[in-house]
Amino acid sequence: MSLQVDRLRKAYGDLVAVDDVSLHLAPGSLTAVLGPSGCGKSTTLEMIAGLITPDAGTVSIGGTDVTGLAPERRPLSLVFQKPLLFPHLSVERNIGFGLRMRREPKAAVAARVAAMLDRVQLVGLGSRRVQELSGAPPPTCSPLPPRWR
């Protein structure tokens, strides 16, 4: 699907985070958004994903204006630079979150979650919370190698 962004703008009081950004991405293209810290990269991507409402401009996907649609109603995903997991959900619930938001049938979600757990060798650990996933015992000795102690 193509992505068309026309004249996006977002301001927070007197601070204009994004001003008059337009772009067109052809289906199947790969694009990197680069720039210095604070130039509006994340804000632009979050407006495209529907996480932030633009003050002006439109976002169209496949020729359909999605500017007013909720994030879960848009046929795209946003992957943050630092991946985030929901700490209050189990590993299984984190894996299946997007599928549930798309209202996939419960059996299909369960099957896909099981397949993903198998793929990353976490079978049997899906009911754990993400902070319980390591399973490693706490260190009992100095973290420094013997030659540095």
Protein backbone atom coordinates (compact mmCIF):
# COMPACT_ATOMS: atom_id res chain seq x y z
CA MET A 1 0.00 0.00 0.00
CA SER A 2 1.14 3.54 -0.59
CA LEU A 3 1.49 6.11 2.17
CA GLN A 4 0.70 9.75 1.50
CA VAL A 5 1.37 12.42 4.12
CA ASP A 6 0.21 15.91 3.22
CA ARG A 7 1.18 19.05 5.12
CA LEU A 8 1.27 17.54 8.63
CA ARG A 9 1.61 20.00 11.48
CA LYS A 10 1.78 19.53 15.24
CA ALA A 11 2.40 22.20 17.85
CA TYR A 12 2.57 22.02 21.63
CA GLY A 13 1.77 25.55 22.71
CA ASP A 14 4.41 27.82 21.18
CA LEU A 15 6.65 24.87 20.25
CA VAL A 16 6.05 23.70 16.68
CA ALA A 17 7.21 20.08 16.60
CA VAL A 18 6.28 19.35 12.96
CA ASP A 19 5.54 21.97 10.36
CA ASP A 20 4.25 21.30 6.83
CA VAL A 21 5.68 17.79 6.36
CA SER A 22 4.66 15.98 3.17
CA LEU A 23 5.87 12.70 1.72
CA HIS A 24 4.75 9.90 -0.55
CA LEU A 25 5.95 6.32 -0.15
CA ALA A 26 5.28 3.87 -2.95
CA PRO A 27 4.06 0.34 -2.14
CA GLY A 28 6.94 -1.93 -1.16
CA SER A 29 9.39 0.91 -0.60
CA LEU A 30 11.71 1.13 2.37
CA THR A 31 12.29 4.53 3.91
CA ALA A 32 14.45 5.76 6.78
CA VAL A 33 13.59 8.93 8.67
CA LEU A 34 16.78 10.65 9.79
CA GLY A 35 17.51 13.89 11.56
CA PRO A 36 18.84 15.42 14.76
CA SER A 37 17.18 14.98 18.11
CA GLY A 38 14.08 17.15 18.44
CA CYS A 39 13.48 17.69 14.72
CA GLY A 40 10.07 15.95 14.69
CA LYS A 41 10.86 12.43 13.44
CA SER A 42 9.04 10.59 16.22
CA THR A 43 6.14 13.04 16.25
CA THR A 44 5.67 12.58 12.50
CA LEU A 45 5.76 8.78 12.78
CA GLU A 46 3.35 8.85 15.73
CA MET A 47 0.92 10.99 13.70
CA ILE A 48 1.15 8.53 10.81
CA ALA A 49 0.46 5.67 13.24
CA GLY A 50 -2.46 7.54 14.83
CA LEU A 51 -0.90 7.86 18.28
CA ILE A 52 -0.90 11.68 18.01
CA THR A 53 -3.60 13.75 16.31
CA PRO A 54 -2.15 16.30 13.88
CA ASP A 55 -3.20 19.93 14.16
CA ALA A 56 -3.31 20.10 10.36
CA GLY A 57 -2.69 17.86 7.37
CA THR A 58 -3.73 14.36 6.34
CA VAL A 59 -2.43 10.81 6.36
CA SER A 60 -3.65 8.47 3.61
CA ILE A 61 -2.88 4.78 3.27
CA GLY A 62 -3.66 3.05 0.00
CA GLY A 63 -5.58 6.13 -1.12
CA THR A 64 -7.84 6.19 1.96
CA ASP A 65 -7.67 9.09 4.41
CA VAL A 66 -6.95 7.55 7.82
CA THR A 67 -6.22 10.81 9.67
CA GLY A 68 -9.25 10.39 11.96
CA LEU A 69 -8.89 6.63 12.50
CA ALA A 70 -7.71 5.11 15.76
CA PRO A 71 -4.29 3.41 15.63
CA GLU A 72 -5.75 -0.11 15.74
CA ARG A 73 -7.90 0.68 12.67
CA ARG A 74 -4.88 1.59 10.52
CA PRO A 75 -3.21 -1.11 8.41
CA LEU A 76 0.28 -0.40 9.73
CA SER A 77 2.47 -0.75 12.76
CA LEU A 78 5.00 1.45 14.48
CA VAL A 79 8.03 -0.19 16.03
CA PHE A 80 9.78 2.06 18.50
CA GLN A 81 13.56 2.32 18.63
CA LYS A 82 13.46 0.81 22.10
CA PRO A 83 10.90 -1.99 21.98
CA LEU A 84 8.39 -1.79 24.77
CA LEU A 85 6.43 -4.59 26.37
CA PHE A 86 3.43 -4.28 28.63
CA PRO A 87 4.81 -5.25 32.05
CA HIS A 88 1.33 -5.98 33.43
CA LEU A 89 0.64 -8.59 30.72
CA SER A 90 1.98 -12.09 30.36
CA VAL A 91 4.37 -13.00 27.55
CA GLU A 92 1.44 -14.67 25.72
CA ARG A 93 -0.74 -11.56 26.07
CA ASN A 94 2.10 -9.33 24.81
CA ILE A 95 2.65 -11.54 21.77
CA GLY A 96 -1.05 -11.72 20.93
CA PHE A 97 -1.85 -8.07 21.64
CA GLY A 98 -1.88 -6.88 18.02
CA LEU A 99 -3.96 -9.84 16.88
CA ARG A 100 -6.52 -9.22 19.60
CA MET A 101 -6.68 -5.53 18.65
CA ARG A 102 -7.49 -6.63 15.09
CA ARG A 103 -10.25 -8.80 16.58
CA GLU A 104 -8.79 -12.04 15.24
CA PRO A 105 -10.63 -15.19 16.37
CA LYS A 106 -9.43 -16.47 19.76
CA ALA A 107 -8.38 -19.83 18.31
CA ALA A 108 -6.31 -18.13 15.62
CA VAL A 109 -4.64 -15.88 18.21
CA ALA A 110 -3.82 -18.87 20.42
CA ALA A 111 -2.34 -20.78 17.48
CA ARG A 112 -0.18 -17.86 16.34
CA VAL A 113 1.00 -17.13 19.89
CA ALA A 114 1.94 -20.80 20.35
CA ALA A 115 3.82 -20.78 17.06
CA MET A 116 5.75 -17.65 18.06
CA LEU A 117 6.61 -19.06 21.47
CA ASP A 118 7.92 -22.18 19.75
CA ARG A 119 9.87 -20.12 17.22
CA VAL A 120 11.73 -18.19 19.93
CA GLN A 121 12.11 -21.27 22.16
CA LEU A 122 9.84 -20.02 24.95
CA VAL A 123 7.33 -22.87 25.00
CA GLY A 124 6.02 -23.25 28.54
CA LEU A 125 6.96 -19.70 29.55
CA GLY A 126 4.01 -17.84 28.01
CA SER A 127 2.14 -17.39 31.28
CA ARG A 128 5.06 -15.54 32.90
CA ARG A 129 5.17 -11.78 33.17
CA VAL A 130 7.85 -10.21 31.00
CA GLN A 131 9.98 -9.27 34.03
CA GLU A 132 9.98 -12.95 35.07
CA LEU A 133 11.19 -14.15 31.69
CA SER A 134 14.92 -14.35 32.26
CA GLY A 135 14.79 -17.30 34.63
CA ALA A 136 18.45 -16.77 35.41
CA PRO A 137 19.43 -17.01 39.07
CA PRO A 138 20.69 -13.80 40.67
CA PRO A 139 24.47 -13.42 40.48
CA THR A 140 26.27 -14.89 43.49
CA CYS A 141 29.72 -13.65 42.65
CA SER A 142 31.35 -10.51 41.36
CA PRO A 143 30.35 -9.63 37.79
CA LEU A 144 34.01 -8.93 37.02
CA PRO A 145 36.11 -11.67 35.41
CA PRO A 146 38.73 -13.21 37.78
CA ARG A 147 41.65 -11.40 36.11
CA TRP A 148 40.03 -8.00 36.89
CA ARG A 149 39.21 -8.68 40.56
